[in-house]
Amino acid sequence: VHLEESGGGSVQAGGSLRLSCAAWGSLFSIDAMGWYRQAP
């Protein structure tokens, strides 16, 4: 399974962003997807 994110950027507090994750490959095997984050 291959994953590619897009949609990140810089925004001021109170603003909005939409992230996208495109998946390809053995998609039939996926039972869940999601997002994690890591701060410095």
Full PDB file with SEQRES, HELIX, SHEET, SSBOND, CRYST1, ORIGX, SCALE, CONECT and MASTER records, all heavy atoms in Angstrom:
SEQRES   1 A   40  VAL HIS LEU GLU GLU SER GLY GLY GLY SER VAL GLN ALA          
SEQRES   2 A   40  GLY GLY SER LEU ARG LEU SER CYS ALA ALA TRP GLY SER          
SEQRES   3 A   40  LEU PHE SER ILE ASP ALA MET GLY TRP TYR ARG GLN ALA          
SEQRES   4 A   40  PRO                                                          
HELIX    1 AA1 LEU A   27  SER A   29  5                                   3    
SHEET    1 AA1 2 HIS A   2  SER A   6  0                                        
SHEET    2 AA1 2 SER A  20  TRP A  24 -1                                        
CRYST1    1.000    1.000    1.000  90.00  90.00  90.00 P 1           1          
ORIGX1      1.000000  0.000000  0.000000        0.00000                         
ORIGX2      0.000000  1.000000  0.000000        0.00000                         
ORIGX3      0.000000  0.000000  1.000000        0.00000                         
SCALE1      1.000000  0.000000  0.000000        0.00000                         
SCALE2      0.000000  1.000000  0.000000        0.00000                         
SCALE3      0.000000  0.000000  1.000000        0.00000                         
ATOM      1  N   VAL A   1       0.853  -1.185   0.000  1.00  0.00           N  
ATOM      2  CA  VAL A   1       0.000   0.000   0.000  1.00  0.00           C  
ATOM      3  C   VAL A   1       0.888   1.233   0.000  1.00  0.00           C  
ATOM      4  O   VAL A   1       1.843   1.323   0.770  1.00  0.00           O  
ATOM      5  CB  VAL A   1      -0.911   0.019   1.243  1.00  0.00           C  
ATOM      6  CG1 VAL A   1      -1.696   1.331   1.308  1.00  0.00           C  
ATOM      7  CG2 VAL A   1      -1.868  -1.169   1.227  1.00  0.00           C  
ATOM      8  N   HIS A   2       0.593   2.165  -0.884  1.00  0.00           N  
ATOM      9  CA  HIS A   2       1.342   3.413  -0.974  1.00  0.00           C  
ATOM     10  C   HIS A   2       0.423   4.559  -0.612  1.00  0.00           C  
ATOM     11  O   HIS A   2      -0.750   4.582  -1.010  1.00  0.00           O  
ATOM     12  CB  HIS A   2       1.888   3.598  -2.381  1.00  0.00           C  
ATOM     13  CG  HIS A   2       2.743   2.467  -2.847  1.00  0.00           C  
ATOM     14  ND1 HIS A   2       4.078   2.353  -2.532  1.00  0.00           N  
ATOM     15  CD2 HIS A   2       2.436   1.356  -3.574  1.00  0.00           C  
ATOM     16  CE1 HIS A   2       4.557   1.245  -3.066  1.00  0.00           C  
ATOM     17  NE2 HIS A   2       3.586   0.624  -3.688  1.00  0.00           N  
ATOM     18  N   LEU A   3       0.958   5.522   0.121  1.00  0.00           N  
ATOM     19  CA  LEU A   3       0.189   6.662   0.593  1.00  0.00           C  
ATOM     20  C   LEU A   3       0.918   7.959   0.272  1.00  0.00           C  
ATOM     21  O   LEU A   3       2.140   8.031   0.440  1.00  0.00           O  
ATOM     22  CB  LEU A   3      -0.019   6.567   2.108  1.00  0.00           C  
ATOM     23  CG  LEU A   3      -0.665   5.288   2.639  1.00  0.00           C  
ATOM     24  CD1 LEU A   3      -0.609   5.259   4.157  1.00  0.00           C  
ATOM     25  CD2 LEU A   3      -2.095   5.159   2.158  1.00  0.00           C  
ATOM     26  N   GLU A   4       0.164   8.968  -0.142  1.00  0.00           N  
ATOM     27  CA  GLU A   4       0.762  10.269  -0.418  1.00  0.00           C  
ATOM     28  C   GLU A   4      -0.142  11.364   0.113  1.00  0.00           C  
ATOM     29  O   GLU A   4      -1.304  11.465  -0.300  1.00  0.00           O  
ATOM     30  CB  GLU A   4       1.014  10.458  -1.902  1.00  0.00           C  
ATOM     31  CG  GLU A   4       1.723  11.775  -2.223  1.00  0.00           C  
ATOM     32  CD  GLU A   4       2.151  11.861  -3.676  1.00  0.00           C  
ATOM     33  OE1 GLU A   4       1.765  10.987  -4.466  1.00  0.00           O  
ATOM     34  OE2 GLU A   4       2.858  12.823  -4.017  1.00  0.00           O  
ATOM     35  N   GLU A   5       0.406  12.193   0.984  1.00  0.00           N  
ATOM     36  CA  GLU A   5      -0.356  13.292   1.571  1.00  0.00           C  
ATOM     37  C   GLU A   5      -0.189  14.577   0.760  1.00  0.00           C  
ATOM     38  O   GLU A   5       0.818  14.778   0.095  1.00  0.00           O  
ATOM     39  CB  GLU A   5       0.104  13.580   3.015  1.00  0.00           C  
ATOM     40  CG  GLU A   5       0.100  12.402   3.941  1.00  0.00           C  
ATOM     41  CD  GLU A   5       1.442  11.715   4.063  1.00  0.00           C  
ATOM     42  OE1 GLU A   5       2.262  11.849   3.125  1.00  0.00           O  
ATOM     43  OE2 GLU A   5       1.678  11.040   5.086  1.00  0.00           O  
ATOM     44  N   SER A   6      -1.174  15.443   0.889  1.00  0.00           N  
ATOM     45  CA  SER A   6      -1.102  16.778   0.320  1.00  0.00           C  
ATOM     46  C   SER A   6      -2.003  17.694   1.126  1.00  0.00           C  
ATOM     47  O   SER A   6      -2.864  17.223   1.892  1.00  0.00           O  
ATOM     48  CB  SER A   6      -1.510  16.785  -1.156  1.00  0.00           C  
ATOM     49  OG  SER A   6      -2.844  16.342  -1.302  1.00  0.00           O  
ATOM     50  N   GLY A   7      -1.792  18.994   0.971  1.00  0.00           N  
ATOM     51  CA  GLY A   7      -2.687  19.971   1.591  1.00  0.00           C  
ATOM     52  C   GLY A   7      -2.149  20.673   2.809  1.00  0.00           C  
ATOM     53  O   GLY A   7      -2.839  21.524   3.384  1.00  0.00           O  
ATOM     54  N   GLY A   8      -0.951  20.345   3.236  1.00  0.00           N  
ATOM     55  CA  GLY A   8      -0.387  21.041   4.381  1.00  0.00           C  
ATOM     56  C   GLY A   8      -0.032  22.474   4.031  1.00  0.00           C  
ATOM     57  O   GLY A   8      -0.115  22.895   2.874  1.00  0.00           O  
ATOM     58  N   GLY A   9       0.352  23.234   5.032  1.00  0.00           N  
ATOM     59  CA  GLY A   9       0.746  24.613   4.799  1.00  0.00           C  
ATOM     60  C   GLY A   9       0.780  25.398   6.086  1.00  0.00           C  
ATOM     61  O   GLY A   9       0.737  24.821   7.178  1.00  0.00           O  
ATOM     62  N   SER A  10       0.852  26.704   5.937  1.00  0.00           N  
ATOM     63  CA  SER A  10       0.899  27.605   7.077  1.00  0.00           C  
ATOM     64  C   SER A  10      -0.390  28.401   7.159  1.00  0.00           C  
ATOM     65  O   SER A  10      -0.907  28.863   6.137  1.00  0.00           O  
ATOM     66  CB  SER A  10       2.083  28.559   6.944  1.00  0.00           C  
ATOM     67  OG  SER A  10       3.300  27.865   6.951  1.00  0.00           O  
ATOM     68  N   VAL A  11      -0.908  28.566   8.354  1.00  0.00           N  
ATOM     69  CA  VAL A  11      -2.172  29.274   8.548  1.00  0.00           C  
ATOM     70  C   VAL A  11      -2.143  29.949   9.914  1.00  0.00           C  
ATOM     71  O   VAL A  11      -1.428  29.508  10.818  1.00  0.00           O  
ATOM     72  CB  VAL A  11      -3.357  28.280   8.433  1.00  0.00           C  
ATOM     73  CG1 VAL A  11      -3.318  27.256   9.551  1.00  0.00           C  
ATOM     74  CG2 VAL A  11      -4.684  29.002   8.386  1.00  0.00           C  
ATOM     75  N   GLN A  12      -2.913  30.999  10.046  1.00  0.00           N  
ATOM     76  CA  GLN A  12      -3.017  31.651  11.346  1.00  0.00           C  
ATOM     77  C   GLN A  12      -4.015  30.917  12.234  1.00  0.00           C  
ATOM     78  O   GLN A  12      -4.913  30.221  11.729  1.00  0.00           O  
ATOM     79  CB  GLN A  12      -3.441  33.110  11.160  1.00  0.00           C  
ATOM     80  CG  GLN A  12      -2.359  33.982  10.564  1.00  0.00           C  
ATOM     81  CD  GLN A  12      -2.692  35.458  10.656  1.00  0.00           C  
ATOM     82  OE1 GLN A  12      -3.858  35.832  10.563  1.00  0.00           O  
ATOM     83  NE2 GLN A  12      -1.681  36.286  10.827  1.00  0.00           N  
ATOM     84  N   ALA A  13      -3.848  31.091  13.527  1.00  0.00           N  
ATOM     85  CA  ALA A  13      -4.771  30.479  14.482  1.00  0.00           C  
ATOM     86  C   ALA A  13      -6.206  30.864  14.130  1.00  0.00           C  
ATOM     87  O   ALA A  13      -6.478  32.021  13.795  1.00  0.00           O  
ATOM     88  CB  ALA A  13      -4.426  30.895  15.894  1.00  0.00           C  
ATOM     89  N   GLY A  14      -7.087  29.873  14.218  1.00  0.00           N  
ATOM     90  CA  GLY A  14      -8.486  30.077  13.865  1.00  0.00           C  
ATOM     91  C   GLY A  14      -8.801  29.728  12.424  1.00  0.00           C  
ATOM     92  O   GLY A  14      -9.971  29.648  12.052  1.00  0.00           O  
ATOM     93  N   GLY A  15      -7.772  29.523  11.631  1.00  0.00           N  
ATOM     94  CA  GLY A  15      -7.956  29.195  10.226  1.00  0.00           C  
ATOM     95  C   GLY A  15      -8.241  27.720  10.002  1.00  0.00           C  
ATOM     96  O   GLY A  15      -8.382  26.939  10.951  1.00  0.00           O  
ATOM     97  N   SER A  16      -8.321  27.357   8.726  1.00  0.00           N  
ATOM     98  CA  SER A  16      -8.666  25.981   8.341  1.00  0.00           C  
ATOM     99  C   SER A  16      -7.706  25.474   7.274  1.00  0.00           C  
ATOM    100  O   SER A  16      -7.165  26.247   6.481  1.00  0.00           O  
ATOM    101  CB  SER A  16     -10.092  25.922   7.788  1.00  0.00           C  
ATOM    102  OG  SER A  16     -11.036  26.338   8.752  1.00  0.00           O  
ATOM    103  N   LEU A  17      -7.544  24.168   7.260  1.00  0.00           N  
ATOM    104  CA  LEU A  17      -6.807  23.474   6.211  1.00  0.00           C  
ATOM    105  C   LEU A  17      -7.494  22.140   5.966  1.00  0.00           C  
ATOM    106  O   LEU A  17      -8.133  21.594   6.867  1.00  0.00           O  
ATOM    107  CB  LEU A  17      -5.349  23.210   6.628  1.00  0.00           C  
ATOM    108  CG  LEU A  17      -4.364  24.362   6.615  1.00  0.00           C  
ATOM    109  CD1 LEU A  17      -3.038  23.907   7.226  1.00  0.00           C  
ATOM    110  CD2 LEU A  17      -4.152  24.889   5.205  1.00  0.00           C  
ATOM    111  N   ARG A  18      -7.339  21.635   4.748  1.00  0.00           N  
ATOM    112  CA  ARG A  18      -7.821  20.290   4.451  1.00  0.00           C  
ATOM    113  C   ARG A  18      -6.661  19.467   3.911  1.00  0.00           C  
ATOM    114  O   ARG A  18      -6.044  19.828   2.909  1.00  0.00           O  
ATOM    115  CB  ARG A  18      -8.972  20.296   3.442  1.00  0.00           C  
ATOM    116  CG  ARG A  18      -9.622  18.920   3.329  1.00  0.00           C  
ATOM    117  CD  ARG A  18     -10.788  18.889   2.374  1.00  0.00           C  
ATOM    118  NE  ARG A  18     -10.350  18.760   0.977  1.00  0.00           N  
ATOM    119  CZ  ARG A  18     -11.094  18.237   0.021  1.00  0.00           C  
ATOM    120  NH1 ARG A  18     -12.312  17.798   0.286  1.00  0.00           N  
ATOM    121  NH2 ARG A  18     -10.639  18.177  -1.216  1.00  0.00           N  
ATOM    122  N   LEU A  19      -6.400  18.359   4.577  1.00  0.00           N  
ATOM    123  CA  LEU A  19      -5.384  17.421   4.129  1.00  0.00           C  
ATOM    124  C   LEU A  19      -6.033  16.308   3.323  1.00  0.00           C  
ATOM    125  O   LEU A  19      -7.155  15.901   3.605  1.00  0.00           O  
ATOM    126  CB  LEU A  19      -4.641  16.817   5.324  1.00  0.00           C  
ATOM    127  CG  LEU A  19      -4.014  17.792   6.320  1.00  0.00           C  
ATOM    128  CD1 LEU A  19      -3.272  17.015   7.400  1.00  0.00           C  
ATOM    129  CD2 LEU A  19      -3.102  18.768   5.626  1.00  0.00           C  
ATOM    130  N   SER A  20      -5.296  15.833   2.332  1.00  0.00           N  
ATOM    131  CA  SER A  20      -5.756  14.695   1.526  1.00  0.00           C  
ATOM    132  C   SER A  20      -4.686  13.617   1.556  1.00  0.00           C  
ATOM    133  O   SER A  20      -3.495  13.904   1.614  1.00  0.00           O  
ATOM    134  CB  SER A  20      -6.001  15.130   0.078  1.00  0.00           C  
ATOM    135  OG  SER A  20      -6.988  16.126   0.001  1.00  0.00           O  
ATOM    136  N   CYS A  21      -5.146  12.386   1.503  1.00  0.00           N  
ATOM    137  CA  CYS A  21      -4.229  11.245   1.426  1.00  0.00           C  
ATOM    138  C   CYS A  21      -4.715  10.314   0.329  1.00  0.00           C  
ATOM    139  O   CYS A  21      -5.812   9.757   0.428  1.00  0.00           O  
ATOM    140  CB  CYS A  21      -4.172  10.504   2.753  1.00  0.00           C  
ATOM    141  SG  CYS A  21      -3.198   8.976   2.682  1.00  0.00           S  
ATOM    142  N   ALA A  22      -3.909  10.178  -0.699  1.00  0.00           N  
ATOM    143  CA  ALA A  22      -4.230   9.278  -1.797  1.00  0.00           C  
ATOM    144  C   ALA A  22      -3.536   7.946  -1.561  1.00  0.00           C  
ATOM    145  O   ALA A  22      -2.350   7.902  -1.252  1.00  0.00           O  
ATOM    146  CB  ALA A  22      -3.783   9.886  -3.119  1.00  0.00           C  
ATOM    147  N   ALA A  23      -4.304   6.876  -1.711  1.00  0.00           N  
ATOM    148  CA  ALA A  23      -3.770   5.532  -1.510  1.00  0.00           C  
ATOM    149  C   ALA A  23      -3.846   4.746  -2.815  1.00  0.00           C  
ATOM    150  O   ALA A  23      -4.799   4.879  -3.575  1.00  0.00           O  
ATOM    151  CB  ALA A  23      -4.547   4.804  -0.422  1.00  0.00           C  
ATOM    152  N   TRP A  24      -2.851   3.934  -3.051  1.00  0.00           N  
ATOM    153  CA  TRP A  24      -2.905   3.031  -4.201  1.00  0.00           C  
ATOM    154  C   TRP A  24      -2.118   1.776  -3.873  1.00  0.00           C  
ATOM    155  O   TRP A  24      -1.329   1.730  -2.929  1.00  0.00           O  
ATOM    156  CB  TRP A  24      -2.395   3.718  -5.470  1.00  0.00           C  
ATOM    157  CG  TRP A  24      -0.941   4.027  -5.537  1.00  0.00           C  
ATOM    158  CD1 TRP A  24       0.047   3.281  -6.077  1.00  0.00           C  
ATOM    159  CD2 TRP A  24      -0.308   5.207  -5.026  1.00  0.00           C  
ATOM    160  NE1 TRP A  24       1.254   3.908  -5.941  1.00  0.00           N  
ATOM    161  CE2 TRP A  24       1.070   5.098  -5.310  1.00  0.00           C  
ATOM    162  CE3 TRP A  24      -0.769   6.356  -4.355  1.00  0.00           C  
ATOM    163  CZ2 TRP A  24       1.982   6.087  -4.963  1.00  0.00           C  
ATOM    164  CZ3 TRP A  24       0.138   7.338  -4.021  1.00  0.00           C  
ATOM    165  CH2 TRP A  24       1.499   7.199  -4.307  1.00  0.00           C  
ATOM    166  N   GLY A  25      -2.370   0.741  -4.681  1.00  0.00           N  
ATOM    167  CA  GLY A  25      -1.743  -0.553  -4.425  1.00  0.00           C  
ATOM    168  C   GLY A  25      -2.791  -1.557  -3.985  1.00  0.00           C  
ATOM    169  O   GLY A  25      -3.884  -1.609  -4.549  1.00  0.00           O  
ATOM    170  N   SER A  26      -2.497  -2.333  -2.965  1.00  0.00           N  
ATOM    171  CA  SER A  26      -3.386  -3.398  -2.496  1.00  0.00           C  
ATOM    172  C   SER A  26      -4.469  -2.825  -1.579  1.00  0.00           C  
ATOM    173  O   SER A  26      -4.523  -3.119  -0.376  1.00  0.00           O  
ATOM    174  CB  SER A  26      -2.572  -4.462  -1.766  1.00  0.00           C  
ATOM    175  OG  SER A  26      -1.586  -5.008  -2.608  1.00  0.00           O  
ATOM    176  N   LEU A  27      -5.359  -2.022  -2.160  1.00  0.00           N  
ATOM    177  CA  LEU A  27      -6.365  -1.332  -1.360  1.00  0.00           C  
ATOM    178  C   LEU A  27      -7.356  -2.287  -0.721  1.00  0.00           C  
ATOM    179  O   LEU A  27      -7.930  -1.990   0.326  1.00  0.00           O  
ATOM    180  CB  LEU A  27      -7.093  -0.294  -2.209  1.00  0.00           C  
ATOM    181  CG  LEU A  27      -6.224   0.776  -2.855  1.00  0.00           C  
ATOM    182  CD1 LEU A  27      -7.105   1.776  -3.599  1.00  0.00           C  
ATOM    183  CD2 LEU A  27      -5.347   1.460  -1.834  1.00  0.00           C  
ATOM    184  N   PHE A  28      -7.564  -3.468  -1.332  1.00  0.00           N  
ATOM    185  CA  PHE A  28      -8.542  -4.423  -0.808  1.00  0.00           C  
ATOM    186  C   PHE A  28      -8.151  -4.888   0.591  1.00  0.00           C  
ATOM    187  O   PHE A  28      -8.982  -5.336   1.359  1.00  0.00           O  
ATOM    188  CB  PHE A  28      -8.651  -5.630  -1.745  1.00  0.00           C  
ATOM    189  CG  PHE A  28      -7.389  -6.427  -1.839  1.00  0.00           C  
ATOM    190  CD1 PHE A  28      -7.132  -7.479  -0.957  1.00  0.00           C  
ATOM    191  CD2 PHE A  28      -6.432  -6.118  -2.791  1.00  0.00           C  
ATOM    192  CE1 PHE A  28      -5.964  -8.205  -1.044  1.00  0.00           C  
ATOM    193  CE2 PHE A  28      -5.257  -6.836  -2.875  1.00  0.00           C  
ATOM    194  CZ  PHE A  28      -5.013  -7.883  -2.009  1.00  0.00           C  
ATOM    195  N   SER A  29      -6.875  -4.764   0.922  1.00  0.00           N  
ATOM    196  CA  SER A  29      -6.387  -5.277   2.201  1.00  0.00           C  
ATOM    197  C   SER A  29      -6.541  -4.272   3.344  1.00  0.00           C  
ATOM    198  O   SER A  29      -6.360  -4.619   4.509  1.00  0.00           O  
ATOM    199  CB  SER A  29      -4.914  -5.661   2.076  1.00  0.00           C  
ATOM    200  OG  SER A  29      -4.110  -4.514   1.832  1.00  0.00           O  
ATOM    201  N   ILE A  30      -6.891  -3.037   3.018  1.00  0.00           N  
ATOM    202  CA  ILE A  30      -6.975  -1.995   4.042  1.00  0.00           C  
ATOM    203  C   ILE A  30      -8.257  -2.119   4.853  1.00  0.00           C  
ATOM    204  O   ILE A  30      -9.334  -2.258   4.284  1.00  0.00           O  
ATOM    205  CB  ILE A  30      -6.903  -0.602   3.389  1.00  0.00           C  
ATOM    206  CG1 ILE A  30      -5.545  -0.399   2.725  1.00  0.00           C  
ATOM    207  CG2 ILE A  30      -7.154   0.490   4.431  1.00  0.00           C  
ATOM    208  CD1 ILE A  30      -5.447   0.902   1.955  1.00  0.00           C  
ATOM    209  N   ASP A  31      -8.129  -2.055   6.179  1.00  0.00           N  
ATOM    210  CA  ASP A  31      -9.328  -2.067   7.006  1.00  0.00           C  
ATOM    211  C   ASP A  31      -9.562  -0.752   7.735  1.00  0.00           C  
ATOM    212  O   ASP A  31     -10.632  -0.538   8.308  1.00  0.00           O  
ATOM    213  CB  ASP A  31      -9.309  -3.235   8.005  1.00  0.00           C  
ATOM    214  CG  ASP A  31      -8.000  -3.330   8.767  1.00  0.00           C  
ATOM    215  OD1 ASP A  31      -7.474  -2.271   9.167  1.00  0.00           O  
ATOM    216  OD2 ASP A  31      -7.500  -4.449   8.956  1.00  0.00           O  
ATOM    217  N   ALA A  32      -8.588   0.135   7.721  1.00  0.00           N  
ATOM    218  CA  ALA A  32      -8.781   1.457   8.326  1.00  0.00           C  
ATOM    219  C   ALA A  32      -7.712   2.393   7.794  1.00  0.00           C  
ATOM    220  O   ALA A  32      -6.626   1.950   7.388  1.00  0.00           O  
ATOM    221  CB  ALA A  32      -8.700   1.389   9.843  1.00  0.00           C  
ATOM    222  N   MET A  33      -8.024   3.673   7.801  1.00  0.00           N  
ATOM    223  CA  MET A  33      -7.061   4.717   7.442  1.00  0.00           C  
ATOM    224  C   MET A  33      -7.199   5.861   8.417  1.00  0.00           C  
ATOM    225  O   MET A  33      -8.198   5.959   9.150  1.00  0.00           O  
ATOM    226  CB  MET A  33      -7.290   5.205   6.009  1.00  0.00           C  
ATOM    227  CG  MET A  33      -6.993   4.165   4.949  1.00  0.00           C  
ATOM    228  SD  MET A  33      -7.172   4.800   3.261  1.00  0.00           S  
ATOM    229  CE  MET A  33      -5.767   5.933   3.176  1.00  0.00           C  
ATOM    230  N   GLY A  34      -6.211   6.714   8.435  1.00  0.00           N  
ATOM    231  CA  GLY A  34      -6.316   7.832   9.355  1.00  0.00           C  
ATOM    232  C   GLY A  34      -5.126   8.754   9.278  1.00  0.00           C  
ATOM    233  O   GLY A  34      -4.339   8.701   8.325  1.00  0.00           O  
ATOM    234  N   TRP A  35      -5.038   9.600  10.298  1.00  0.00           N  
ATOM    235  CA  TRP A  35      -3.992  10.604  10.382  1.00  0.00           C  
ATOM    236  C   TRP A  35      -3.357  10.593  11.767  1.00  0.00           C  
ATOM    237  O   TRP A  35      -4.061  10.479  12.785  1.00  0.00           O  
ATOM    238  CB  TRP A  35      -4.581  11.999  10.114  1.00  0.00           C  
ATOM    239  CG  TRP A  35      -5.091  12.171   8.725  1.00  0.00           C  
ATOM    240  CD1 TRP A  35      -6.356  11.912   8.275  1.00  0.00           C  
ATOM    241  CD2 TRP A  35      -4.346  12.617   7.598  1.00  0.00           C  
ATOM    242  NE1 TRP A  35      -6.436  12.180   6.935  1.00  0.00           N  
ATOM    243  CE2 TRP A  35      -5.222  12.618   6.494  1.00  0.00           C  
ATOM    244  CE3 TRP A  35      -3.025  13.036   7.406  1.00  0.00           C  
ATOM    245  CZ2 TRP A  35      -4.814  13.015   5.216  1.00  0.00           C  
ATOM    246  CZ3 TRP A  35      -2.627  13.436   6.145  1.00  0.00           C  
ATOM    247  CH2 TRP A  35      -3.517  13.421   5.069  1.00  0.00           C  
ATOM    248  N   TYR A  36      -2.053  10.693  11.765  1.00  0.00           N  
ATOM    249  CA  TYR A  36      -1.273  10.903  12.972  1.00  0.00           C  
ATOM    250  C   TYR A  36      -0.481  12.197  12.788  1.00  0.00           C  
ATOM    251  O   TYR A  36      -0.310  12.670  11.668  1.00  0.00           O  
ATOM    252  CB  TYR A  36      -0.310   9.740  13.207  1.00  0.00           C  
ATOM    253  CG  TYR A  36      -0.960   8.496  13.753  1.00  0.00           C  
ATOM    254  CD1 TYR A  36      -1.834   7.744  12.983  1.00  0.00           C  
ATOM    255  CD2 TYR A  36      -0.686   8.051  15.042  1.00  0.00           C  
ATOM    256  CE1 TYR A  36      -2.431   6.589  13.486  1.00  0.00           C  
ATOM    257  CE2 TYR A  36      -1.268   6.898  15.562  1.00  0.00           C  
ATOM    258  CZ  TYR A  36      -2.137   6.171  14.777  1.00  0.00           C  
ATOM    259  OH  TYR A  36      -2.722   5.040  15.281  1.00  0.00           O  
ATOM    260  N   ARG A  37       0.007  12.737  13.873  1.00  0.00           N  
ATOM    261  CA  ARG A  37       0.856  13.926  13.776  1.00  0.00           C  
ATOM    262  C   ARG A  37       1.997  13.835  14.781  1.00  0.00           C  
ATOM    263  O   ARG A  37       1.910  13.138  15.785  1.00  0.00           O  
ATOM    264  CB  ARG A  37       0.047  15.201  14.014  1.00  0.00           C  
ATOM    265  CG  ARG A  37      -0.476  15.373  15.431  1.00  0.00           C  
ATOM    266  CD  ARG A  37      -1.380  16.592  15.509  1.00  0.00           C  
ATOM    267  NE  ARG A  37      -1.896  16.784  16.864  1.00  0.00           N  
ATOM    268  CZ  ARG A  37      -2.847  17.662  17.170  1.00  0.00           C  
ATOM    269  NH1 ARG A  37      -3.393  18.436  16.220  1.00  0.00           N  
ATOM    270  NH2 ARG A  37      -3.261  17.780  18.423  1.00  0.00           N  
ATOM    271  N   GLN A  38       3.046  14.578  14.453  1.00  0.00           N  
ATOM    272  CA  GLN A  38       4.211  14.597  15.328  1.00  0.00           C  
ATOM    273  C   GLN A  38       4.749  16.019  15.402  1.00  0.00           C  
ATOM    274  O   GLN A  38       5.133  16.590  14.372  1.00  0.00           O  
ATOM    275  CB  GLN A  38       5.291  13.638  14.826  1.00  0.00           C  
ATOM    276  CG  GLN A  38       6.455  13.482  15.775  1.00  0.00           C  
ATOM    277  CD  GLN A  38       7.352  12.318  15.388  1.00  0.00           C  
ATOM    278  OE1 GLN A  38       7.299  11.804  14.267  1.00  0.00           O  
ATOM    279  NE2 GLN A  38       8.165  11.864  16.331  1.00  0.00           N  
ATOM    280  N   ALA A  39       4.739  16.575  16.602  1.00  0.00           N  
ATOM    281  CA  ALA A  39       5.295  17.899  16.839  1.00  0.00           C  
ATOM    282  C   ALA A  39       6.783  17.753  17.164  1.00  0.00           C  
ATOM    283  O   ALA A  39       7.210  16.689  17.632  1.00  0.00           O  
ATOM    284  CB  ALA A  39       4.554  18.576  17.982  1.00  0.00           C  
ATOM    285  N   PRO A  40       7.558  18.791  16.937  1.00  0.00           N  
ATOM    286  CA  PRO A  40       8.991  18.711  17.250  1.00  0.00           C  
ATOM    287  C   PRO A  40       9.225  18.310  18.699  1.00  0.00           C  
ATOM    288  O   PRO A  40       8.638  18.876  19.616  1.00  0.00           O  
ATOM    289  CB  PRO A  40       9.482  20.135  16.974  1.00  0.00           C  
ATOM    290  CG  PRO A  40       8.523  20.688  15.979  1.00  0.00           C  
ATOM    291  CD  PRO A  40       7.193  20.087  16.334  1.00  0.00           C  
TER     292      PRO A  40                                                      
MASTER        0    0    0    1    2    0    0    6  291    1    0    4          
END                                                                             
